[in-house]
Amino acid sequence: MSIRIQFNSEDRGDKGHYEYEDGEGREYRYAVLDSGALAVFEKEVGGSIGKDEAPISVYGPHAWFSVSGDPRTKADDRPGRMTGF
C-alpha cells in the first residue's frame, strides 16, 4: 500500500496531498515522531529498515494533518545480531 499525506496548505500540489507509491522494488512506511513530525522511510520489497536509518522525508507537525497507508512497525526493523554462541 502506498502512503498518502494530506497537507494543511493547498500549496503542496494541485490536490493538497502527496503520495509515495509502492513499486519498482520499493515500499514506503511512515512514522509519527514524538514531536508530531511525520517521517517517511523507503525499503526494498521484503527488506528491512535499519534502526539508525534516516528517513527520506520529514514533514513538520504543522505541515500535515492526515496520513494513510502502512505505518512502520517492528516487522520492518532489521533483525538484531546474535552474539555469544
Protein backbone atom coordinates (compact mmCIF):
# COMPACT_ATOMS: atom_id res chain seq x y z
CA MET A 1 0.00 0.00 0.00
CA SER A 2 1.29 3.45 -0.78
CA ILE A 3 1.41 6.36 1.68
CA ARG A 4 -0.89 9.34 1.19
CA ILE A 5 -0.24 12.56 3.11
CA GLN A 6 -2.84 15.31 3.31
CA PHE A 7 -1.28 18.73 3.87
CA ASN A 8 -2.61 21.78 5.70
CA SER A 9 -1.75 24.02 2.76
CA GLU A 10 -3.11 23.75 -0.76
CA ASP A 11 0.31 24.94 -1.97
CA ARG A 12 1.58 21.34 -1.95
CA GLY A 13 0.41 20.23 -5.37
CA ASP A 14 -2.89 20.51 -7.13
CA LYS A 15 -4.82 18.33 -4.71
CA GLY A 16 -3.29 19.34 -1.37
CA HIS A 17 -1.82 15.87 -0.90
CA TYR A 18 1.17 13.78 -1.91
CA GLU A 19 1.52 10.04 -2.42
CA TYR A 20 4.53 7.77 -2.12
CA GLU A 21 3.67 4.85 -4.43
CA ASP A 22 4.96 1.34 -3.76
CA GLY A 23 6.52 -0.21 -6.83
CA GLU A 24 9.73 -0.83 -8.72
CA GLY A 25 11.03 -2.94 -5.83
CA ARG A 26 10.36 -0.27 -3.18
CA GLU A 27 7.91 0.04 -0.31
CA TYR A 28 7.23 3.05 1.89
CA ARG A 29 6.45 3.25 5.60
CA TYR A 30 5.66 6.22 7.83
CA ALA A 31 6.18 7.06 11.49
CA VAL A 32 4.78 9.91 13.55
CA LEU A 33 7.60 11.15 15.77
CA ASP A 34 7.21 12.36 19.38
CA SER A 35 7.43 15.95 18.10
CA GLY A 36 4.43 15.40 15.81
CA ALA A 37 6.62 15.40 12.71
CA LEU A 38 5.90 12.80 10.05
CA ALA A 39 8.85 10.71 8.79
CA VAL A 40 8.72 8.64 5.58
CA PHE A 41 11.03 5.64 5.12
CA GLU A 42 11.85 3.66 1.98
CA LYS A 43 12.82 0.00 1.89
CA GLU A 44 13.23 -2.77 -0.64
CA VAL A 45 10.26 -5.12 -1.02
CA GLY A 46 10.64 -7.76 1.68
CA GLY A 47 13.58 -5.85 3.16
CA SER A 48 14.01 -4.03 6.45
CA ILE A 49 14.70 -0.56 7.78
CA GLY A 50 17.83 -0.14 9.92
CA LYS A 51 17.42 1.24 13.43
CA ASP A 52 19.55 4.30 12.64
CA GLU A 53 18.43 4.68 9.03
CA ALA A 54 17.44 8.24 8.15
CA PRO A 55 14.00 8.91 6.66
CA ILE A 56 13.80 10.04 3.04
CA SER A 57 11.38 12.85 4.00
CA VAL A 58 10.31 14.59 7.20
CA TYR A 59 7.29 16.91 7.41
CA GLY A 60 6.88 19.25 10.38
CA PRO A 61 3.87 18.86 12.68
CA HIS A 62 2.14 21.93 11.22
CA ALA A 63 2.60 20.87 7.58
CA TRP A 64 0.31 17.83 7.56
CA PHE A 65 -2.93 16.72 9.21
CA SER A 66 -3.66 13.26 7.83
CA VAL A 67 -1.71 10.21 6.70
CA SER A 68 -2.86 6.82 5.46
CA GLY A 69 -1.00 3.74 4.34
CA ASP A 70 1.46 1.40 6.02
CA PRO A 71 2.99 2.61 9.29
CA ARG A 72 6.49 1.49 10.27
CA THR A 73 6.24 -1.49 12.62
CA LYS A 74 8.67 -3.85 14.35
CA ALA A 75 8.27 -6.18 11.37
CA ASP A 76 10.09 -3.53 9.28
CA ASP A 77 13.09 -3.38 11.64
CA ARG A 78 16.32 -5.11 10.72
CA PRO A 79 16.82 -8.20 12.93
CA GLY A 80 19.40 -7.76 15.70
CA ARG A 81 22.71 -9.56 15.64
CA MET A 82 23.06 -12.66 17.75
CA THR A 83 26.29 -12.90 19.72
CA GLY A 84 27.74 -15.09 22.41
CA PHE A 85 27.34 -18.58 20.97
